[in-house]
Structures are given as C-alpha cells and as structure tokens.
PDB file of N, CA and C in Angstrom:
ATOM      1  N   MET A   1      31.777   5.725   5.526  1.00  0.00           N
ATOM      2  CA  MET A   1      31.203   4.182   5.199  1.00  0.00           C
ATOM      3  C   MET A   1      31.949   3.630   4.012  1.00  0.00           C
ATOM      4  N   SER A   2      32.056   2.539   4.552  1.00  0.00           N
ATOM      5  CA  SER A   2      33.050   1.062   3.548  1.00  0.00           C
ATOM      6  C   SER A   2      32.091   0.922   2.556  1.00  0.00           C
ATOM      7  N   GLY A   3      32.672   0.418   1.681  1.00  0.00           N
ATOM      8  CA  GLY A   3      31.860   0.095   0.332  1.00  0.00           C
ATOM      9  C   GLY A   3      30.838  -0.890   0.617  1.00  0.00           C
ATOM     10  N   SER A   4      31.332  -1.779   1.645  1.00  0.00           N
ATOM     11  CA  SER A   4      30.191  -3.151   2.082  1.00  0.00           C
ATOM     12  C   SER A   4      29.281  -2.758   2.793  1.00  0.00           C
ATOM     13  N   VAL A   5      29.057  -1.677   3.564  1.00  0.00           N
ATOM     14  CA  VAL A   5      28.652  -1.757   4.266  1.00  0.00           C
ATOM     15  C   VAL A   5      27.109  -0.533   3.571  1.00  0.00           C
ATOM     16  N   ILE A   6      27.873   0.034   2.603  1.00  0.00           N
ATOM     17  CA  ILE A   6      27.311   0.868   1.734  1.00  0.00           C
ATOM     18  C   ILE A   6      26.141  -0.110   0.719  1.00  0.00           C
ATOM     19  N   ARG A   7      27.040  -1.420   0.102  1.00  0.00           N
ATOM     20  CA  ARG A   7      26.174  -2.357  -0.657  1.00  0.00           C
ATOM     21  C   ARG A   7      25.759  -3.056   0.328  1.00  0.00           C
ATOM     22  N   ALA A   8      25.475  -3.305   1.412  1.00  0.00           N
ATOM     23  CA  ALA A   8      24.843  -3.968   2.104  1.00  0.00           C
ATOM     24  C   ALA A   8      23.523  -3.303   2.397  1.00  0.00           C
ATOM     25  N   SER A   9      23.580  -2.007   2.836  1.00  0.00           N
ATOM     26  CA  SER A   9      22.064  -1.043   2.707  1.00  0.00           C
ATOM     27  C   SER A   9      21.420  -0.787   1.608  1.00  0.00           C
ATOM     28  N   ALA A  10      22.280  -0.980   0.559  1.00  0.00           N
ATOM     29  CA  ALA A  10      21.345  -0.841  -0.651  1.00  0.00           C
ATOM     30  C   ALA A  10      20.834  -2.058  -0.890  1.00  0.00           C
ATOM     31  N   VAL A  11      20.886  -2.716  -0.546  1.00  0.00           N
ATOM     32  CA  VAL A  11      20.801  -4.626  -1.120  1.00  0.00           C
ATOM     33  C   VAL A  11      19.148  -4.474   0.379  1.00  0.00           C
ATOM     34  N   LEU A  12      19.459  -4.201   1.412  1.00  0.00           N
ATOM     35  CA  LEU A  12      18.648  -4.228   2.142  1.00  0.00           C
ATOM     36  C   LEU A  12      17.358  -2.919   1.728  1.00  0.00           C
ATOM     37  N   ALA A  13      17.537  -2.326   1.236  1.00  0.00           N
ATOM     38  CA  ALA A  13      16.803  -1.011   0.932  1.00  0.00           C
ATOM     39  C   ALA A  13      15.753  -1.920  -0.339  1.00  0.00           C
ATOM     40  N   ALA A  14      16.357  -2.444  -1.270  1.00  0.00           N
ATOM     41  CA  ALA A  14      16.054  -3.034  -2.285  1.00  0.00           C
ATOM     42  C   ALA A  14      14.977  -4.090  -1.809  1.00  0.00           C
ATOM     43  N   ALA A  15      15.238  -4.550  -1.044  1.00  0.00           N
ATOM     44  CA  ALA A  15      14.517  -5.958  -0.381  1.00  0.00           C
ATOM     45  C   ALA A  15      13.395  -5.345   0.184  1.00  0.00           C
ATOM     46  N   LEU A  16      13.391  -4.451   0.818  1.00  0.00           N
ATOM     47  CA  LEU A  16      12.137  -3.747   1.493  1.00  0.00           C
ATOM     48  C   LEU A  16      11.191  -2.922   0.802  1.00  0.00           C
ATOM     49  N   LEU A  17      12.068  -2.303  -0.308  1.00  0.00           N
ATOM     50  CA  LEU A  17      10.989  -1.910  -1.694  1.00  0.00           C
ATOM     51  C   LEU A  17      10.470  -2.882  -2.467  1.00  0.00           C
ATOM     52  N   THR A  18      11.254  -4.326  -2.226  1.00  0.00           N
ATOM     53  CA  THR A  18      10.464  -5.362  -3.087  1.00  0.00           C
ATOM     54  C   THR A  18       9.519  -5.821  -2.454  1.00  0.00           C
ATOM     55  N   ALA A  19       9.543  -6.082  -1.079  1.00  0.00           N
ATOM     56  CA  ALA A  19       8.737  -6.656  -0.445  1.00  0.00           C
ATOM     57  C   ALA A  19       7.519  -5.799  -0.525  1.00  0.00           C
ATOM     58  N   VAL A  20       7.214  -4.312  -0.377  1.00  0.00           N
ATOM     59  CA  VAL A  20       6.038  -3.862  -0.285  1.00  0.00           C
ATOM     60  C   VAL A  20       5.455  -3.657  -1.714  1.00  0.00           C
ATOM     61  N   ALA A  21       6.543  -3.774  -2.741  1.00  0.00           N
ATOM     62  CA  ALA A  21       5.701  -3.650  -4.169  1.00  0.00           C
ATOM     63  C   ALA A  21       5.049  -4.956  -4.151  1.00  0.00           C
ATOM     64  N   ALA A  22       5.295  -6.230  -3.572  1.00  0.00           N
ATOM     65  CA  ALA A  22       5.225  -7.883  -3.538  1.00  0.00           C
ATOM     66  C   ALA A  22       3.952  -7.104  -2.649  1.00  0.00           C
ATOM     67  N   PHE A  23       3.411  -6.469  -1.823  1.00  0.00           N
ATOM     68  CA  PHE A  23       2.507  -6.382  -1.390  1.00  0.00           C
ATOM     69  C   PHE A  23       1.234  -5.602  -1.874  1.00  0.00           C
ATOM     70  N   GLN A  24       1.808  -4.559  -2.603  1.00  0.00           N
ATOM     71  CA  GLN A  24       1.133  -3.952  -3.570  1.00  0.00           C
ATOM     72  C   GLN A  24       0.316  -4.610  -4.839  1.00  0.00           C
ATOM     73  N   LEU A  25       1.132  -5.718  -5.224  1.00  0.00           N
ATOM     74  CA  LEU A  25       1.176  -6.547  -6.336  1.00  0.00           C
ATOM     75  C   LEU A  25      -0.372  -7.402  -6.011  1.00  0.00           C
ATOM     76  N   ALA A  26      -0.078  -7.746  -4.875  1.00  0.00           N
ATOM     77  CA  ALA A  26      -1.173  -8.974  -4.740  1.00  0.00           C
ATOM     78  C   ALA A  26      -2.515  -7.572  -4.288  1.00  0.00           C
ATOM     79  N   LEU A  27      -2.175  -6.823  -3.811  1.00  0.00           N
ATOM     80  CA  LEU A  27      -3.606  -5.817  -3.511  1.00  0.00           C
ATOM     81  C   LEU A  27      -4.142  -5.748  -4.868  1.00  0.00           C
ATOM     82  N   ALA A  28      -3.591  -5.296  -6.077  1.00  0.00           N
ATOM     83  CA  ALA A  28      -3.515  -5.205  -7.076  1.00  0.00           C
ATOM     84  C   ALA A  28      -4.416  -6.247  -8.066  1.00  0.00           C
ATOM     85  N   ALA A  29      -4.257  -7.655  -7.406  1.00  0.00           N
ATOM     86  CA  ALA A  29      -4.602  -8.376  -7.999  1.00  0.00           C
ATOM     87  C   ALA A  29      -5.585  -9.185  -7.129  1.00  0.00           C
ATOM     88  N   GLY A  30      -6.137  -8.453  -6.357  1.00  0.00           N
ATOM     89  CA  GLY A  30      -7.614  -9.229  -5.382  1.00  0.00           C
ATOM     90  C   GLY A  30      -7.544  -9.356  -4.291  1.00  0.00           C
ATOM     91  N   ALA A  31      -6.034  -9.547  -3.484  1.00  0.00           N
ATOM     92  CA  ALA A  31      -5.906 -10.055  -2.217  1.00  0.00           C
ATOM     93  C   ALA A  31      -7.025  -9.103  -1.197  1.00  0.00           C
ATOM     94  N   PRO A  32      -7.512 -10.239  -0.292  1.00  0.00           N
ATOM     95  CA  PRO A  32      -8.305  -9.370   0.242  1.00  0.00           C
ATOM     96  C   PRO A  32      -7.530  -8.799   1.944  1.00  0.00           C
ATOM     97  N   TRP A  33      -7.205  -7.677   0.937  1.00  0.00           N
ATOM     98  CA  TRP A  33      -5.885  -7.317   2.353  1.00  0.00           C
ATOM     99  C   TRP A  33      -6.288  -5.854   2.387  1.00  0.00           C
ATOM    100  N   GLY A  34      -7.419  -5.425   1.853  1.00  0.00           N
ATOM    101  CA  GLY A  34      -7.555  -3.940   1.302  1.00  0.00           C
ATOM    102  C   GLY A  34      -7.958  -2.868   2.925  1.00  0.00           C
ATOM    103  N   GLU A  35      -7.687  -3.705   4.233  1.00  0.00           N
ATOM    104  CA  GLU A  35      -8.194  -3.188   5.652  1.00  0.00           C
ATOM    105  C   GLU A  35      -6.725  -2.458   5.968  1.00  0.00           C
ATOM    106  N   MET A  36      -5.341  -3.311   5.526  1.00  0.00           N
ATOM    107  CA  MET A  36      -4.800  -3.008   5.997  1.00  0.00           C
ATOM    108  C   MET A  36      -3.910  -2.189   5.021  1.00  0.00           C
ATOM    109  N   SER A  37      -4.192  -1.318   4.082  1.00  0.00           N
ATOM    110  CA  SER A  37      -3.741  -0.526   3.067  1.00  0.00           C
ATOM    111  C   SER A  37      -4.518   0.819   3.112  1.00  0.00           C
ATOM    112  N   TYR A  38      -3.812   1.534   2.194  1.00  0.00           N
ATOM    113  CA  TYR A  38      -3.900   3.029   2.370  1.00  0.00           C
ATOM    114  C   TYR A  38      -4.726   3.779   3.460  1.00  0.00           C
ATOM    115  N   GLY A  39      -3.980   3.552   4.623  1.00  0.00           N
ATOM    116  CA  GLY A  39      -4.254   3.912   5.791  1.00  0.00           C
ATOM    117  C   GLY A  39      -6.284   3.449   6.354  1.00  0.00           C
ATOM    118  N   GLY A  40      -6.216   2.087   5.707  1.00  0.00           N
ATOM    119  CA  GLY A  40      -7.751   1.812   6.493  1.00  0.00           C
ATOM    120  C   GLY A  40      -9.100   2.494   5.448  1.00  0.00           C
ATOM    121  N   ARG A  41      -8.597   3.504   4.557  1.00  0.00           N
ATOM    122  CA  ARG A  41      -9.392   4.723   4.228  1.00  0.00           C
ATOM    123  C   ARG A  41     -10.206   4.237   2.948  1.00  0.00           C
ATOM    124  N   ALA A  42      -9.246   3.109   2.435  1.00  0.00           N
ATOM    125  CA  ALA A  42     -10.024   2.515   0.867  1.00  0.00           C
ATOM    126  C   ALA A  42     -11.237   2.034   0.887  1.00  0.00           C
ATOM    127  N   VAL A  43     -12.463   2.231   0.487  1.00  0.00           N
ATOM    128  CA  VAL A  43     -13.674   1.206   0.394  1.00  0.00           C
ATOM    129  C   VAL A  43     -13.020   0.261  -0.295  1.00  0.00           C
ATOM    130  N   THR A  44     -13.743  -1.110   0.491  1.00  0.00           N
ATOM    131  CA  THR A  44     -13.651  -2.522   0.303  1.00  0.00           C
ATOM    132  C   THR A  44     -14.633  -3.233   0.028  1.00  0.00           C
ATOM    133  N   SER A  45     -14.591  -4.236  -0.870  1.00  0.00           N
ATOM    134  CA  SER A  45     -15.829  -4.945  -0.964  1.00  0.00           C
ATOM    135  C   SER A  45     -15.139  -6.615  -0.537  1.00  0.00           C
ATOM    136  N   GLY A  46     -15.642  -6.900   0.692  1.00  0.00           N
ATOM    137  CA  GLY A  46     -14.671  -8.176   1.297  1.00  0.00           C
ATOM    138  C   GLY A  46     -13.625  -8.144   1.462  1.00  0.00           C
ATOM    139  N   GLY A  47     -12.912  -7.130   1.623  1.00  0.00           N
ATOM    140  CA  GLY A  47     -11.675  -6.785   1.758  1.00  0.00           C
ATOM    141  C   GLY A  47     -10.861  -6.234   0.685  1.00  0.00           C
ATOM    142  N   VAL A  48     -11.580  -6.489  -0.643  1.00  0.00           N
ATOM    143  CA  VAL A  48     -10.599  -6.549  -1.681  1.00  0.00           C
ATOM    144  C   VAL A  48     -10.956  -4.722  -2.615  1.00  0.00           C
ATOM    145  N   LEU A  49      -9.736  -4.222  -2.646  1.00  0.00           N
ATOM    146  CA  LEU A  49      -9.862  -2.737  -2.864  1.00  0.00           C
ATOM    147  C   LEU A  49     -10.721  -2.693  -4.175  1.00  0.00           C
ATOM    148  N   SER A  50     -11.090  -1.646  -4.479  1.00  0.00           N
ATOM    149  CA  SER A  50     -12.488  -0.826  -5.684  1.00  0.00           C
ATOM    150  C   SER A  50     -11.109  -0.820  -6.691  1.00  0.00           C
ATOM    151  N   ALA A  51     -11.650  -0.694  -7.941  1.00  0.00           N
ATOM    152  CA  ALA A  51     -10.805  -0.738  -9.111  1.00  0.00           C
ATOM    153  C   ALA A  51      -9.907   0.646  -9.032  1.00  0.00           C
ATOM    154  N   SER A  52     -10.149   1.852  -8.741  1.00  0.00           N
ATOM    155  CA  SER A  52      -9.386   2.404  -8.663  1.00  0.00           C
ATOM    156  C   SER A  52      -8.268   2.360  -7.495  1.00  0.00           C
ATOM    157  N   TYR A  53      -8.141   1.464  -6.466  1.00  0.00           N
ATOM    158  CA  TYR A  53      -7.203   1.324  -5.281  1.00  0.00           C
ATOM    159  C   TYR A  53      -6.296   0.674  -5.958  1.00  0.00           C
ATOM    160  N   ARG A  54      -6.780  -0.422  -6.924  1.00  0.00           N
ATOM    161  CA  ARG A  54      -5.961  -1.554  -7.668  1.00  0.00           C
ATOM    162  C   ARG A  54      -5.255  -0.925  -8.507  1.00  0.00           C
ATOM    163  N   LEU A  55      -5.822  -0.100  -9.322  1.00  0.00           N
ATOM    164  CA  LEU A  55      -4.889   0.682 -10.320  1.00  0.00           C
ATOM    165  C   LEU A  55      -3.771   1.472  -9.853  1.00  0.00           C
ATOM    166  N   ALA A  56      -4.347   1.857  -8.364  1.00  0.00           N
ATOM    167  CA  ALA A  56      -3.262   2.644  -7.906  1.00  0.00           C
ATOM    168  C   ALA A  56      -2.284   1.993  -7.241  1.00  0.00           C
ATOM    169  N   SER A  57      -2.499   0.697  -6.664  1.00  0.00           N
ATOM    170  CA  SER A  57      -1.741  -0.163  -6.248  1.00  0.00           C
ATOM    171  C   SER A  57      -0.769  -1.049  -7.502  1.00  0.00           C
ATOM    172  N   ALA A  58      -1.131  -0.966  -8.554  1.00  0.00           N
ATOM    173  CA  ALA A  58      -0.666  -1.438  -9.694  1.00  0.00           C
ATOM    174  C   ALA A  58       0.572  -0.496  -9.989  1.00  0.00           C
ATOM    175  N   GLY A  59       0.198   0.988 -10.034  1.00  0.00           N
ATOM    176  CA  GLY A  59       0.858   2.103 -10.308  1.00  0.00           C
ATOM    177  C   GLY A  59       1.775   2.341  -9.036  1.00  0.00           C
ATOM    178  N   ALA A  60       1.744   1.675  -8.147  1.00  0.00           N
ATOM    179  CA  ALA A  60       2.748   1.833  -7.125  1.00  0.00           C
ATOM    180  C   ALA A  60       3.821   0.672  -6.606  1.00  0.00           C
ATOM    181  N   VAL A  61       3.429  -0.255  -7.510  1.00  0.00           N
ATOM    182  CA  VAL A  61       4.347  -1.647  -7.763  1.00  0.00           C
ATOM    183  C   VAL A  61       5.650  -0.650  -8.850  1.00  0.00           C
ATOM    184  N   VAL A  62       5.097  -0.623 -10.054  1.00  0.00           N
ATOM    185  CA  VAL A  62       6.201   0.398 -10.906  1.00  0.00           C
ATOM    186  C   VAL A  62       7.198   1.175  -9.754  1.00  0.00           C
ATOM    187  N   VAL A  63       6.361   1.758  -9.409  1.00  0.00           N
ATOM    188  CA  VAL A  63       7.399   2.988  -8.966  1.00  0.00           C
ATOM    189  C   VAL A  63       8.279   2.459  -7.759  1.00  0.00           C
ATOM    190  N   LEU A  64       7.855   1.375  -6.969  1.00  0.00           N
ATOM    191  CA  LEU A  64       8.569   0.708  -5.767  1.00  0.00           C
ATOM    192  C   LEU A  64       9.998   0.005  -6.729  1.00  0.00           C
ATOM    193  N   LEU A  65       9.917  -0.486  -7.692  1.00  0.00           N
ATOM    194  CA  LEU A  65      10.646  -1.645  -8.086  1.00  0.00           C
ATOM    195  C   LEU A  65      11.581  -0.754  -8.975  1.00  0.00           C
ATOM    196  N   LEU A  66      11.015   0.762  -9.449  1.00  0.00           N
ATOM    197  CA  LEU A  66      12.242   1.506 -10.204  1.00  0.00           C
ATOM    198  C   LEU A  66      13.042   2.170  -9.145  1.00  0.00           C
ATOM    199  N   ALA A  67      12.456   2.185  -7.836  1.00  0.00           N
ATOM    200  CA  ALA A  67      13.454   2.824  -7.255  1.00  0.00           C
ATOM    201  C   ALA A  67      14.539   1.695  -6.512  1.00  0.00           C
ATOM    202  N   ALA A  68      13.938   0.211  -6.096  1.00  0.00           N
ATOM    203  CA  ALA A  68      14.957  -0.205  -6.015  1.00  0.00           C
ATOM    204  C   ALA A  68      15.874  -0.482  -7.197  1.00  0.00           C
ATOM    205  N   ALA A  69      15.378  -0.716  -8.077  1.00  0.00           N
ATOM    206  CA  ALA A  69      16.352  -0.668  -9.036  1.00  0.00           C
ATOM    207  C   ALA A  69      17.452   0.493  -9.401  1.00  0.00           C
ATOM    208  N   LEU A  70      16.936   1.585  -9.015  1.00  0.00           N
ATOM    209  CA  LEU A  70      17.903   2.764  -8.871  1.00  0.00           C
ATOM    210  C   LEU A  70      18.898   2.980  -7.710  1.00  0.00           C
ATOM    211  N   ILE A  71      18.560   2.357  -6.792  1.00  0.00           N
ATOM    212  CA  ILE A  71      19.382   2.228  -5.456  1.00  0.00           C
ATOM    213  C   ILE A  71      20.440   1.132  -6.180  1.00  0.00           C
ATOM    214  N   LEU A  72      20.289  -0.090  -6.394  1.00  0.00           N
ATOM    215  CA  LEU A  72      21.343  -0.986  -6.888  1.00  0.00           C
ATOM    216  C   LEU A  72      21.984  -0.583  -7.872  1.00  0.00           C
ATOM    217  N   ALA A  73      21.135   0.078  -8.673  1.00  0.00           N
ATOM    218  CA  ALA A  73      22.180   0.557  -9.715  1.00  0.00           C
ATOM    219  C   ALA A  73      23.240   1.672  -9.646  1.00  0.00           C
ATOM    220  N   ARG A  74      22.870   2.547  -8.608  1.00  0.00           N
ATOM    221  CA  ARG A  74      23.853   3.614  -7.934  1.00  0.00           C
ATOM    222  C   ARG A  74      25.085   2.774  -7.520  1.00  0.00           C
ATOM    223  N   VAL A  75      24.885   1.365  -6.610  1.00  0.00           N
ATOM    224  CA  VAL A  75      25.931   1.234  -5.959  1.00  0.00           C
ATOM    225  C   VAL A  75      27.055   0.063  -6.638  1.00  0.00           C
ATOM    226  N   GLY A  76      26.307   0.233  -8.096  1.00  0.00           N
ATOM    227  CA  GLY A  76      27.129  -0.571  -8.931  1.00  0.00           C
ATOM    228  C   GLY A  76      26.481  -2.511  -8.939  1.00  0.00           C
ATOM    229  N   LEU A  77      25.373  -2.647  -8.503  1.00  0.00           N
ATOM    230  CA  LEU A  77      24.947  -3.996  -8.264  1.00  0.00           C
ATOM    231  C   LEU A  77      24.107  -4.325  -9.829  1.00  0.00           C
ATOM    232  N   LEU A  78      23.570  -2.689 -10.443  1.00  0.00           N
ATOM    233  CA  LEU A  78      23.053  -3.483 -11.140  1.00  0.00           C
ATOM    234  C   LEU A  78      23.936  -2.447 -12.668  1.00  0.00           C
ATOM    235  N   PRO A  79      23.396  -2.636 -14.049  1.00  0.00           N
ATOM    236  CA  PRO A  79      23.726  -1.597 -14.858  1.00  0.00           C
ATOM    237  C   PRO A  79      22.919  -0.130 -14.767  1.00  0.00           C
ATOM    238  N   PRO A  80      23.964   0.491 -15.042  1.00  0.00           N
ATOM    239  CA  PRO A  80      22.893   1.675 -15.201  1.00  0.00           C
ATOM    240  C   PRO A  80      21.894   2.228 -16.285  1.00  0.00           C
ATOM    241  N   GLY A  81      21.859   1.611 -17.074  1.00  0.00           N
ATOM    242  CA  GLY A  81      20.846   1.313 -17.990  1.00  0.00           C
ATOM    243  C   GLY A  81      21.171   1.993 -19.288  1.00  0.00           C
ATOM    244  N   PRO A  82      20.614   2.472 -20.309  1.00  0.00           N
ATOM    245  CA  PRO A  82      20.759   2.683 -21.686  1.00  0.00           C
ATOM    246  C   PRO A  82      21.089   4.603 -21.775  1.00  0.00           C
ATOM    247  N   ALA A  83      20.838   5.025 -20.516  1.00  0.00           N
ATOM    248  CA  ALA A  83      20.957   6.405 -20.550  1.00  0.00           C
ATOM    249  C   ALA A  83      22.685   6.449 -19.828  1.00  0.00           C
ATOM    250  N   GLY A  84      23.272   5.321 -19.789  1.00  0.00           N
ATOM    251  CA  GLY A  84      24.670   5.766 -19.001  1.00  0.00           C
ATOM    252  C   GLY A  84      24.360   5.839 -17.448  1.00  0.00           C
ATOM    253  N   PRO A  85      25.790   5.699 -17.133  1.00  0.00           N
ATOM    254  CA  PRO A  85      26.136   6.161 -15.444  1.00  0.00           C
ATOM    255  C   PRO A  85      25.935   7.927 -15.363  1.00  0.00           C
ATOM    256  N   GLY A  86      25.914   8.588 -15.955  1.00  0.00           N
ATOM    257  CA  GLY A  86      25.815   9.935 -15.616  1.00  0.00           C
ATOM    258  C   GLY A  86      24.368  10.377 -15.787  1.00  0.00           C
ATOM    259  N   PHE A  87      23.397   9.399 -16.037  1.00  0.00           N
ATOM    260  CA  PHE A  87      22.132   9.695 -15.520  1.00  0.00           C
ATOM    261  C   PHE A  87      21.695   9.175 -14.531  1.00  0.00           C
ATOM    262  N   LEU A  88      22.019   8.326 -13.764  1.00  0.00           N
ATOM    263  CA  LEU A  88      21.601   7.773 -12.290  1.00  0.00           C
ATOM    264  C   LEU A  88      22.722   8.942 -11.274  1.00  0.00           C
TER     265      LEU A  88
END
C-alpha cells in the first residue's frame, strides 16, 4: 500500500473513533440516548444512563481518543509522545 492510502485510512479510522467518542461523551453528560447504547441493556431514566453507565461512557471516551491518537502517531501525523517513537 502506498503511504497516502495508509495515511488516509488512518485519518478515517481516527475520525470514526472520534465520532464514537463524541457519542460516548454526550451519553456521559446525560444525553437521552441510553436506549441506543450498550445493546439497549442499560437501565435508563427518561433515556439518560444510570451513573455507573455514564462513568463507563466517560472511560470509553478516554480509551477511544487514545486509540485515535495512537493511530495518527503511528503514521506520523502526531508526535510520538514523551516515550519516543520506539514506544509506539
């Protein structure tokens, strides 16, 4: 694969991960979309997730954004971080 295809794929993957992170952030903030998350199994009050699921959504935001940053760093679109390029 050419470098431009790999970079474009990385940008697309990071964008999709960021979109899912935005959805999870909205859930953590109290958006009434609980039925559309966690396979519909989450207990909701008026569509808002319970505190434990909101905390899980907040944790998911961190993981998703770190994954997006890792992908972009691996293709050279972000600096590798304080541990250096060998870390990634």
